[in-house]
Amino acid sequence: MKKYSFLIPFLAIFFTTFAHGAEPKPNVIIVFCDDLGYADIGPFGSKTHATPVLDRMAKEGLRLTDFYSTCPVCTPSRSSLMTGCYPRRVNMHVDEKNLCVLFPAARKGLNPSERTIAEILKDQGYATACIGKWHLGDHPDFMPTNQGFDSYFGIPYSNDMNRKTVPLPLVRDLTVIEDSVQKDTTITARYTKEAVSFIKKNSKKPFFLYLPHTAVHLPLVPGKKFKGTSKDGPYGDWVQEIDWSMGELFKTLKREGIDENTFVLFTSDNGSAREKQGSNLPLRGRKGRTDEGGMRVPCVVRWPGKISAGSSSGAITSTLDLLPTAVALSGTTVPDDRIIDGKNILPILLGKTEKHPREAFFYYQMDQLQAVRSGDWKLFVPMDSKKKNWGKPEGKTELKLFNLANDIHEDLNLADKKPDVVKRLLAHAEQAREDLGDVNRPGKGQRKAGWVKSPAPRLLEK
């Protein structure tokens, strides 16, 4: 035995490493608000909403100042977050009637053949939960539990979609547990309670929590204890309740001893529906439009010890990037059997680069390409002005070019003065039209949505 004694230290190291394993995979939490504007929270300039938790999150983490949703309305933007693809790529840019979002009892939904964040992370050993607004189809085939989530608790679509035939339901997995919850002022608290419970239950293993809030979509239903607490009526009250909810999440992470191993990202699905009261300032426009106020959204990211405290980045980033980034965090790679439009932005979040992860970003609304951004330049492209659209088409038939670094409100049209820039961005636009499509152009790279013969909305079982 003595002649093998030199092996003992190496064996000790081997068995210690085997027992404890490699560094644990980080937990991932994505909080996705509904219709929250660029300047609705303190880290992005709000003077009317008190958001001390989000203020602290920004001080302890990073602000992405040029972070975009892929569409200024609900369903398409959520399809991008789940798949890492532009809405037109996965054919979720319009519903079956060519309207801008899905409605109750839809035959269309996110194709189950798409690989969602939840599916990929689940394959990596993550527990997965969706708590809140889904809005990617209410047929069982399209619901979260058939798209990679172990569990679901929430409302399948927007809280203004309360119908006589399909009352606004609160659903657990695939079962409606309450109907007509449109006026439920406890909804944010209930989501938060579910989220806290999920974190506690899974604190000993990696988890992915997707928390798409109902707030602050109309109708406004802030919790009673938050009523009248802001300077901005029920809207501001509800923003402040979201901030409280974030505080409950962070308290739980710290109590469970997993705060430093949890990546948390907070953002919105599109800009605020309002232009006044500073909600989207200094940006122009609002929800439903492809000027900056419709699609540039607040984004704060926190990962203690990994992301530098109090940092910011102006790189052109997007909800497209959440899937590749979360996948990288889990230790694997994105699917190689399909096009993924998003980029892994971990190098940006970790402060290793300031470069834009993409040459161009495309602004679509419904089936129309309306604008393209490359670097500091944004061009509104000519399009079919007769085509019906939700929201006023900004570009119409006129070229409009803005330098967002100098003109964030998009006031000074430089198209006549910068023909070389116009030409370059038009080339990007044509590439997008070939690949993703445009009016009367399906796009060579477009995939099929999910379809069912008969709708099967989540209805209260009598």
Protein backbone atom coordinates (compact mmCIF):
# COMPACT_ATOMS: atom_id res chain seq x y z
CA MET A 1 0.00 0.00 0.00
CA LYS A 2 2.86 2.29 0.78
CA LYS A 3 4.09 2.36 -2.82
CA TYR A 4 0.71 3.75 -3.93
CA SER A 5 0.57 6.48 -1.28
CA PHE A 6 1.46 9.15 -3.84
CA LEU A 7 -1.96 8.57 -5.45
CA ILE A 8 -3.93 9.52 -2.35
CA PRO A 9 -3.90 13.33 -2.89
CA PHE A 10 -4.95 12.92 -6.52
CA LEU A 11 -7.72 10.49 -5.61
CA ALA A 12 -8.94 12.91 -2.94
CA ILE A 13 -9.14 15.69 -5.51
CA PHE A 14 -10.92 13.39 -7.99
CA PHE A 15 -13.57 12.19 -5.55
CA THR A 16 -14.11 15.68 -4.13
CA THR A 17 -14.69 17.03 -7.64
CA PHE A 18 -16.98 14.12 -8.50
CA ALA A 19 -18.99 14.53 -5.30
CA HIS A 20 -19.51 18.24 -5.61
CA GLY A 21 -19.60 18.41 -9.40
CA ALA A 22 -18.68 21.39 -11.50
CA GLU A 23 -19.87 24.91 -10.74
CA PRO A 24 -23.68 24.73 -10.54
CA LYS A 25 -25.64 25.97 -13.50
CA PRO A 26 -27.13 29.41 -12.86
CA ASN A 27 -30.83 29.82 -12.33
CA VAL A 28 -32.56 32.01 -14.91
CA ILE A 29 -35.46 34.37 -14.18
CA ILE A 30 -37.05 36.48 -16.93
CA VAL A 31 -39.65 39.01 -15.84
CA PHE A 32 -41.67 40.30 -18.79
CA CYS A 33 -44.04 43.20 -18.12
CA ASP A 34 -46.98 44.10 -20.36
CA ASP A 35 -47.07 47.59 -21.94
CA LEU A 36 -44.44 49.02 -19.56
CA GLY A 37 -42.86 52.10 -21.11
CA TYR A 38 -39.19 53.01 -21.47
CA ALA A 39 -39.31 55.66 -18.75
CA ASP A 40 -41.80 53.99 -16.42
CA ILE A 41 -39.14 52.87 -13.91
CA GLY A 42 -36.51 54.78 -11.99
CA PRO A 43 -33.44 53.34 -13.76
CA PHE A 44 -34.75 54.78 -17.04
CA GLY A 45 -35.79 58.18 -15.74
CA SER A 46 -39.23 57.92 -14.16
CA LYS A 47 -40.07 60.85 -11.87
CA THR A 48 -43.60 59.73 -11.05
CA HIS A 49 -43.15 56.06 -10.13
CA ALA A 50 -41.22 54.98 -7.04
CA THR A 51 -39.28 51.82 -7.95
CA PRO A 52 -36.65 51.37 -5.23
CA VAL A 53 -36.16 47.65 -5.88
CA LEU A 54 -35.54 48.14 -9.60
CA ASP A 55 -33.33 51.13 -8.79
CA ARG A 56 -31.23 48.87 -6.58
CA MET A 57 -31.27 46.13 -9.22
CA ALA A 58 -29.77 48.58 -11.72
CA LYS A 59 -27.15 49.74 -9.20
CA GLU A 60 -26.18 46.12 -8.60
CA GLY A 61 -26.40 45.14 -12.26
CA LEU A 62 -26.58 46.50 -15.80
CA ARG A 63 -28.94 48.61 -17.90
CA LEU A 64 -29.36 47.82 -21.59
CA THR A 65 -30.31 51.21 -22.99
CA ASP A 66 -30.88 50.04 -26.59
CA PHE A 67 -32.87 46.89 -25.90
CA TYR A 68 -35.75 46.09 -28.25
CA SER A 69 -38.85 44.02 -28.45
CA THR A 70 -39.40 42.62 -31.95
CA CYS A 71 -42.92 43.99 -32.26
CA PRO A 72 -44.94 46.77 -30.59
CA VAL A 73 -47.79 44.40 -29.61
CA CYS A 74 -48.20 41.33 -27.41
CA THR A 75 -48.30 38.00 -29.24
CA PRO A 76 -45.51 38.58 -31.77
CA SER A 77 -43.14 39.95 -29.14
CA ARG A 78 -43.69 36.91 -26.90
CA SER A 79 -43.05 34.49 -29.75
CA SER A 80 -39.61 36.06 -30.17
CA LEU A 81 -38.73 35.72 -26.52
CA MET A 82 -39.68 32.04 -26.52
CA THR A 83 -37.99 31.09 -29.81
CA GLY A 84 -35.18 33.59 -30.40
CA CYS A 85 -36.73 34.38 -33.78
CA TYR A 86 -38.45 37.32 -35.43
CA PRO A 87 -42.25 36.87 -35.33
CA ARG A 88 -42.42 36.48 -39.12
CA ARG A 89 -39.82 33.71 -38.92
CA VAL A 90 -42.19 31.56 -36.85
CA ASN A 91 -45.36 32.94 -38.50
CA MET A 92 -46.65 34.55 -35.32
CA HIS A 93 -46.82 38.11 -36.68
CA VAL A 94 -50.61 37.93 -37.25
CA ASP A 95 -53.47 35.71 -36.17
CA GLU A 96 -55.69 33.55 -38.39
CA LYS A 97 -57.73 36.63 -39.39
CA ASN A 98 -54.64 38.77 -40.05
CA LEU A 99 -55.13 40.71 -36.83
CA CYS A 100 -52.14 41.79 -34.81
CA VAL A 101 -52.48 39.40 -31.82
CA LEU A 102 -54.15 36.11 -30.95
CA PHE A 103 -57.65 36.18 -29.48
CA PRO A 104 -59.53 33.64 -27.31
CA ALA A 105 -60.50 30.43 -29.09
CA ALA A 106 -57.78 30.83 -31.70
CA ARG A 107 -56.98 28.01 -34.11
CA LYS A 108 -53.45 29.33 -34.45
CA GLY A 109 -50.60 29.22 -31.95
CA LEU A 110 -46.87 28.80 -31.49
CA ASN A 111 -45.91 25.65 -33.37
CA PRO A 112 -44.99 22.88 -30.88
CA SER A 113 -42.14 21.94 -33.23
CA GLU A 114 -40.37 25.17 -32.31
CA ARG A 115 -37.71 24.81 -29.62
CA THR A 116 -38.48 27.22 -26.78
CA ILE A 117 -36.14 28.42 -24.05
CA ALA A 118 -38.04 26.21 -21.64
CA GLU A 119 -37.62 23.09 -23.76
CA ILE A 120 -33.88 23.55 -24.17
CA LEU A 121 -33.27 24.35 -20.50
CA LYS A 122 -35.50 21.47 -19.42
CA ASP A 123 -33.28 19.14 -21.44
CA GLN A 124 -30.36 20.56 -19.45
CA GLY A 125 -31.95 19.51 -16.16
CA TYR A 126 -33.74 22.75 -15.33
CA ALA A 127 -37.10 22.90 -13.56
CA THR A 128 -39.30 25.23 -15.63
CA ALA A 129 -42.35 27.33 -14.81
CA CYS A 130 -44.41 29.96 -16.60
CA ILE A 131 -46.42 32.23 -14.30
CA GLY A 132 -48.55 34.98 -15.86
CA LYS A 133 -49.70 36.02 -19.32
CA TRP A 134 -48.96 33.49 -22.10
CA HIS A 135 -50.70 34.77 -25.28
CA LEU A 136 -49.23 32.24 -27.71
CA GLY A 137 -52.37 30.14 -28.16
CA ASP A 138 -55.05 28.80 -25.79
CA HIS A 139 -55.54 25.38 -27.38
CA PRO A 140 -53.85 22.64 -25.25
CA ASP A 141 -51.30 22.00 -28.03
CA PHE A 142 -50.04 25.57 -27.72
CA MET A 143 -50.17 26.10 -23.96
CA PRO A 144 -46.99 26.37 -21.81
CA THR A 145 -47.07 22.80 -20.51
CA ASN A 146 -46.78 21.61 -24.11
CA GLN A 147 -44.00 24.09 -24.88
CA GLY A 148 -41.39 23.00 -22.33
CA PHE A 149 -42.79 24.24 -19.03
CA ASP A 150 -43.31 21.81 -16.15
CA SER A 151 -46.11 24.00 -14.81
CA TYR A 152 -48.24 26.99 -15.71
CA PHE A 153 -50.30 29.44 -13.64
CA GLY A 154 -51.83 32.48 -15.26
CA ILE A 155 -54.08 34.03 -17.89
CA PRO A 156 -53.66 32.68 -21.45
CA TYR A 157 -53.98 36.09 -23.10
CA SER A 158 -54.49 39.82 -22.39
CA ASN A 159 -56.64 40.86 -19.45
CA ASP A 160 -58.95 42.92 -21.69
CA MET A 161 -60.02 39.75 -23.57
CA ASN A 162 -63.01 38.86 -21.43
CA ARG A 163 -65.71 37.36 -23.67
CA LYS A 164 -69.21 36.04 -22.96
CA THR A 165 -68.32 32.78 -24.69
CA VAL A 166 -64.80 32.66 -23.23
CA PRO A 167 -64.64 34.41 -19.84
CA LEU A 168 -61.14 35.58 -18.89
CA PRO A 169 -59.76 32.45 -17.21
CA LEU A 170 -57.14 31.82 -14.56
CA VAL A 171 -55.48 28.55 -15.51
CA ARG A 172 -53.29 26.05 -13.70
CA ASP A 173 -51.51 23.88 -16.25
CA LEU A 174 -54.45 23.08 -18.58
CA THR A 175 -57.31 23.44 -16.12
CA VAL A 176 -59.31 26.60 -15.54
CA ILE A 177 -59.54 27.24 -11.80
CA GLU A 178 -61.41 30.55 -12.00
CA ASP A 179 -63.21 32.43 -14.74
CA SER A 180 -63.86 36.11 -15.33
CA VAL A 181 -60.83 37.36 -13.37
CA GLN A 182 -60.62 40.62 -15.33
CA LYS A 183 -61.22 42.74 -12.22
CA ASP A 184 -58.96 40.70 -9.95
CA THR A 185 -56.83 43.21 -8.05
CA THR A 186 -54.88 40.35 -6.44
CA ILE A 187 -53.46 38.99 -9.71
CA THR A 188 -49.93 40.41 -9.26
CA ALA A 189 -49.79 39.20 -5.67
CA ARG A 190 -50.97 35.75 -6.76
CA TYR A 191 -48.34 35.55 -9.49
CA THR A 192 -45.71 36.62 -6.98
CA LYS A 193 -46.79 34.03 -4.43
CA GLU A 194 -46.59 31.31 -7.09
CA ALA A 195 -43.14 32.52 -8.17
CA VAL A 196 -41.82 32.54 -4.60
CA SER A 197 -43.17 29.03 -4.06
CA PHE A 198 -41.51 27.79 -7.25
CA ILE A 199 -38.15 29.27 -6.26
CA LYS A 200 -38.29 27.68 -2.81
CA LYS A 201 -39.32 24.31 -4.20
CA ASN A 202 -36.45 24.26 -6.70
CA SER A 203 -33.70 26.06 -4.80
CA LYS A 204 -31.50 22.95 -4.73
CA LYS A 205 -31.43 22.50 -8.51
CA PRO A 206 -31.25 24.81 -11.52
CA PHE A 207 -34.52 26.42 -12.54
CA PHE A 208 -35.98 28.66 -15.22
CA LEU A 209 -38.77 30.99 -14.15
CA TYR A 210 -40.64 32.96 -16.81
CA LEU A 211 -42.84 35.59 -15.15
CA PRO A 212 -44.84 37.53 -17.78
CA HIS A 213 -46.90 39.97 -15.72
CA THR A 214 -50.44 41.00 -16.60
CA ALA A 215 -49.45 44.49 -15.45
CA VAL A 216 -49.69 47.16 -16.73
CA HIS A 217 -52.05 46.26 -19.58
CA LEU A 218 -55.54 47.78 -19.53
CA PRO A 219 -57.77 47.42 -17.57
CA LEU A 220 -55.66 48.61 -14.65
CA VAL A 221 -56.10 46.48 -11.52
CA PRO A 222 -53.34 47.28 -9.01
CA GLY A 223 -53.53 45.61 -5.61
CA LYS A 224 -55.60 47.40 -2.99
CA LYS A 225 -52.65 48.14 -0.73
CA PHE A 226 -50.97 49.95 -3.66
CA LYS A 227 -54.01 52.01 -4.64
CA GLY A 228 -53.25 55.73 -4.46
CA THR A 229 -49.56 55.23 -3.61
CA SER A 230 -48.11 56.80 -6.78
CA LYS A 231 -48.23 60.20 -8.46
CA ASP A 232 -49.68 58.64 -11.61
CA GLY A 233 -53.02 57.07 -10.68
CA PRO A 234 -53.78 53.35 -11.07
CA TYR A 235 -51.12 53.01 -13.78
CA GLY A 236 -48.36 54.20 -11.49
CA ASP A 237 -49.79 52.22 -8.58
CA TRP A 238 -49.48 49.05 -10.63
CA VAL A 239 -45.92 49.87 -11.70
CA GLN A 240 -45.06 50.23 -8.03
CA GLU A 241 -46.67 46.88 -7.29
CA ILE A 242 -44.43 45.29 -9.93
CA ASP A 243 -41.47 46.80 -8.08
CA TRP A 244 -42.74 45.25 -4.84
CA SER A 245 -43.04 41.90 -6.62
CA MET A 246 -39.41 42.10 -7.73
CA GLY A 247 -38.47 42.75 -4.12
CA GLU A 248 -40.21 39.55 -3.03
CA LEU A 249 -38.26 37.57 -5.62
CA PHE A 250 -34.92 38.97 -4.50
CA LYS A 251 -35.73 38.38 -0.81
CA THR A 252 -36.52 34.77 -1.60
CA LEU A 253 -33.32 34.26 -3.59
CA LYS A 254 -31.29 35.60 -0.68
CA ARG A 255 -33.14 33.57 1.95
CA GLU A 256 -32.60 30.41 -0.10
CA GLY A 257 -28.89 31.19 -0.49
CA ILE A 258 -29.02 31.26 -4.30
CA ASP A 259 -28.92 34.98 -5.02
CA GLU A 260 -25.38 34.92 -6.43
CA ASN A 261 -26.19 31.97 -8.66
CA THR A 262 -29.29 33.50 -10.23
CA PHE A 263 -29.43 35.50 -13.45
CA VAL A 264 -32.40 37.90 -13.42
CA LEU A 265 -33.57 39.97 -16.40
CA PHE A 266 -36.41 42.50 -16.24
CA THR A 267 -38.02 44.03 -19.34
CA SER A 268 -41.30 44.70 -21.21
CA ASP A 269 -43.08 43.29 -24.26
CA ASN A 270 -43.43 46.70 -25.94
CA GLY A 271 -43.70 50.38 -25.08
CA SER A 272 -46.45 51.96 -23.05
CA ALA A 273 -49.80 52.52 -24.71
CA ARG A 274 -49.57 56.14 -23.56
CA GLU A 275 -47.38 58.91 -24.95
CA LYS A 276 -47.99 61.47 -22.21
CA GLN A 277 -46.85 61.60 -18.58
CA GLY A 278 -43.34 60.66 -19.62
CA SER A 279 -43.85 56.90 -19.84
CA ASN A 280 -41.87 56.48 -23.07
CA LEU A 281 -39.78 59.65 -23.00
CA PRO A 282 -37.35 60.61 -24.39
CA LEU A 283 -38.57 58.31 -27.14
CA ARG A 284 -41.23 59.14 -29.71
CA GLY A 285 -44.44 57.15 -29.96
CA ARG A 286 -46.12 54.33 -28.12
CA LYS A 287 -47.35 50.75 -28.27
CA GLY A 288 -48.47 49.69 -31.75
CA ARG A 289 -45.94 51.88 -33.53
CA THR A 290 -42.47 51.15 -34.84
CA ASP A 291 -40.90 54.40 -33.76
CA GLU A 292 -38.65 53.97 -30.72
CA GLY A 293 -41.36 54.40 -28.10
CA GLY A 294 -43.20 51.37 -29.42
CA MET A 295 -40.31 48.92 -29.47
CA ARG A 296 -37.36 50.13 -27.39
CA VAL A 297 -38.04 48.96 -23.85
CA PRO A 298 -36.38 49.20 -20.43
CA CYS A 299 -34.12 46.29 -19.57
CA VAL A 300 -32.19 45.63 -16.36
CA VAL A 301 -30.01 42.56 -15.79
CA ARG A 302 -28.51 41.37 -12.52
CA TRP A 303 -26.14 38.50 -11.71
CA PRO A 304 -24.06 39.25 -8.58
CA GLY A 305 -20.35 38.70 -8.99
CA LYS A 306 -20.64 38.20 -12.74
CA ILE A 307 -22.27 41.37 -14.10
CA SER A 308 -20.54 44.60 -13.05
CA ALA A 309 -22.58 46.70 -10.67
CA GLY A 310 -23.87 50.01 -11.97
CA SER A 311 -22.92 49.28 -15.58
CA SER A 312 -24.76 49.99 -18.83
CA SER A 313 -24.51 49.15 -22.51
CA GLY A 314 -25.82 50.80 -25.66
CA ALA A 315 -25.36 47.72 -27.82
CA ILE A 316 -28.35 46.87 -30.03
CA THR A 317 -29.85 43.98 -28.09
CA SER A 318 -33.27 42.39 -28.17
CA THR A 319 -35.68 39.83 -26.76
CA LEU A 320 -34.37 37.75 -29.67
CA ASP A 321 -31.20 37.31 -27.66
CA LEU A 322 -32.75 35.84 -24.54
CA LEU A 323 -32.94 32.28 -25.86
CA PRO A 324 -29.31 32.07 -27.07
CA THR A 325 -28.11 33.75 -23.88
CA ALA A 326 -30.11 31.53 -21.53
CA VAL A 327 -29.00 28.47 -23.51
CA ALA A 328 -25.36 29.55 -23.12
CA LEU A 329 -25.89 29.99 -19.38
CA SER A 330 -27.17 26.42 -19.19
CA GLY A 331 -24.01 25.09 -20.82
CA THR A 332 -25.32 24.05 -24.21
CA THR A 333 -25.84 25.55 -27.67
CA VAL A 334 -28.81 26.66 -29.75
CA PRO A 335 -30.46 24.18 -32.17
CA ASP A 336 -28.48 23.83 -35.40
CA ASP A 337 -31.39 22.46 -37.45
CA ARG A 338 -33.09 25.84 -37.90
CA ILE A 339 -32.37 29.56 -38.14
CA ILE A 340 -32.22 31.39 -34.81
CA ASP A 341 -32.15 35.18 -35.21
CA GLY A 342 -30.97 35.97 -31.70
CA LYS A 343 -27.38 36.25 -30.48
CA ASN A 344 -25.68 35.17 -27.28
CA ILE A 345 -25.12 38.52 -25.54
CA LEU A 346 -23.28 37.18 -22.49
CA PRO A 347 -20.06 38.89 -23.62
CA ILE A 348 -21.92 42.22 -23.52
CA LEU A 349 -23.57 41.50 -20.16
CA LEU A 350 -20.25 40.44 -18.64
CA GLY A 351 -18.52 43.58 -19.88
CA LYS A 352 -16.20 41.82 -22.33
CA THR A 353 -17.35 43.76 -25.40
CA GLU A 354 -19.37 46.82 -26.39
CA LYS A 355 -19.83 45.77 -30.01
CA HIS A 356 -23.30 45.48 -31.48
CA PRO A 357 -24.16 41.78 -31.76
CA ARG A 358 -25.91 42.32 -35.11
CA GLU A 359 -25.39 44.33 -38.27
CA ALA A 360 -29.06 45.21 -38.55
CA PHE A 361 -32.25 45.05 -36.51
CA PHE A 362 -35.68 44.98 -38.18
CA TYR A 363 -38.87 46.71 -37.05
CA TYR A 364 -41.94 44.76 -38.14
CA GLN A 365 -45.59 45.44 -37.38
CA MET A 366 -47.94 42.71 -38.53
CA ASP A 367 -46.82 41.67 -42.04
CA GLN A 368 -44.97 44.88 -42.87
CA LEU A 369 -41.30 45.72 -42.53
CA GLN A 370 -41.45 49.35 -41.45
CA ALA A 371 -37.90 50.22 -40.40
CA VAL A 372 -34.35 48.96 -40.03
CA ARG A 373 -31.58 50.00 -37.63
CA SER A 374 -27.85 49.60 -38.17
CA GLY A 375 -25.49 51.19 -35.67
CA ASP A 376 -26.76 54.67 -34.84
CA TRP A 377 -28.89 54.89 -37.98
CA LYS A 378 -32.56 54.05 -38.33
CA LEU A 379 -34.41 54.12 -41.64
CA PHE A 380 -38.18 54.01 -42.11
CA VAL A 381 -38.63 52.24 -45.43
CA PRO A 382 -41.31 52.75 -48.11
CA MET A 383 -44.19 50.33 -47.78
CA ASP A 384 -47.75 49.72 -48.87
CA SER A 385 -49.59 52.58 -47.14
CA LYS A 386 -52.97 51.11 -48.18
CA LYS A 387 -52.39 47.98 -46.14
CA LYS A 388 -54.47 48.00 -42.97
CA ASN A 389 -52.41 48.11 -39.82
CA TRP A 390 -52.84 48.41 -36.07
CA GLY A 391 -51.27 51.75 -35.33
CA LYS A 392 -50.34 54.41 -37.86
CA PRO A 393 -47.65 53.29 -40.34
CA GLU A 394 -44.83 55.78 -39.76
CA GLY A 395 -42.95 55.26 -43.01
CA LYS A 396 -45.78 55.26 -45.55
CA THR A 397 -44.12 55.92 -48.91
CA GLU A 398 -41.52 58.37 -47.61
CA LEU A 399 -37.97 57.52 -46.62
CA LYS A 400 -37.09 58.78 -43.17
CA LEU A 401 -33.57 58.49 -41.76
CA PHE A 402 -32.63 59.33 -38.17
CA ASN A 403 -29.38 59.29 -36.25
CA LEU A 404 -30.52 57.88 -32.90
CA ALA A 405 -27.30 58.83 -31.15
CA ASN A 406 -28.01 62.51 -31.76
CA ASP A 407 -31.77 62.45 -32.25
CA ILE A 408 -33.36 59.86 -29.98
CA HIS A 409 -36.82 61.41 -30.50
CA GLU A 410 -36.62 60.92 -34.29
CA ASP A 411 -37.25 64.54 -35.22
CA LEU A 412 -34.67 65.37 -37.93
CA ASN A 413 -35.03 63.45 -41.20
CA LEU A 414 -31.58 63.11 -42.79
CA ALA A 415 -32.55 60.89 -45.73
CA ASP A 416 -31.72 63.55 -48.35
CA LYS A 417 -28.38 64.36 -46.73
CA LYS A 418 -27.13 60.79 -46.25
CA PRO A 419 -27.85 58.86 -49.46
CA ASP A 420 -25.02 56.41 -48.79
CA VAL A 421 -26.54 55.45 -45.42
CA VAL A 422 -29.99 55.15 -46.98
CA LYS A 423 -28.61 52.83 -49.65
CA ARG A 424 -26.87 50.62 -47.09
CA LEU A 425 -29.95 50.29 -44.88
CA LEU A 426 -32.23 49.67 -47.87
CA ALA A 427 -29.97 46.73 -48.75
CA HIS A 428 -30.49 45.33 -45.26
CA ALA A 429 -34.25 45.83 -45.65
CA GLU A 430 -34.29 43.93 -48.93
CA GLN A 431 -32.40 41.04 -47.33
CA ALA A 432 -35.02 40.92 -44.58
CA ARG A 433 -37.85 40.93 -47.11
CA GLU A 434 -36.27 38.03 -48.96
CA ASP A 435 -35.68 36.05 -45.79
CA LEU A 436 -38.51 36.96 -43.40
CA GLY A 437 -41.02 38.35 -45.88
CA ASP A 438 -43.14 41.44 -46.26
CA VAL A 439 -46.53 42.37 -47.69
CA ASN A 440 -47.44 39.69 -50.25
CA ARG A 441 -43.95 38.16 -49.83
CA PRO A 442 -43.91 35.06 -47.58
CA GLY A 443 -40.15 34.99 -47.10
CA LYS A 444 -37.82 32.11 -47.93
CA GLY A 445 -36.88 31.57 -44.29
CA GLN A 446 -40.38 31.63 -42.81
CA ARG A 447 -41.57 28.56 -40.88
CA LYS A 448 -45.11 27.37 -40.21
CA ALA A 449 -47.20 28.34 -37.20
CA GLY A 450 -49.19 25.77 -35.28
CA TRP A 451 -52.77 25.14 -36.46
CA VAL A 452 -55.64 23.04 -35.17
CA LYS A 453 -58.89 22.15 -36.94
CA SER A 454 -61.12 23.17 -34.05
CA PRO A 455 -60.42 25.72 -31.31
CA ALA A 456 -60.34 24.48 -27.73
CA PRO A 457 -60.02 27.52 -25.44
CA ARG A 458 -59.48 27.10 -21.73
CA LEU A 459 -63.05 27.14 -20.35
CA LEU A 460 -64.27 26.66 -16.82
CA GLU A 461 -65.20 23.04 -16.30
CA LYS A 462 -68.71 22.85 -14.90
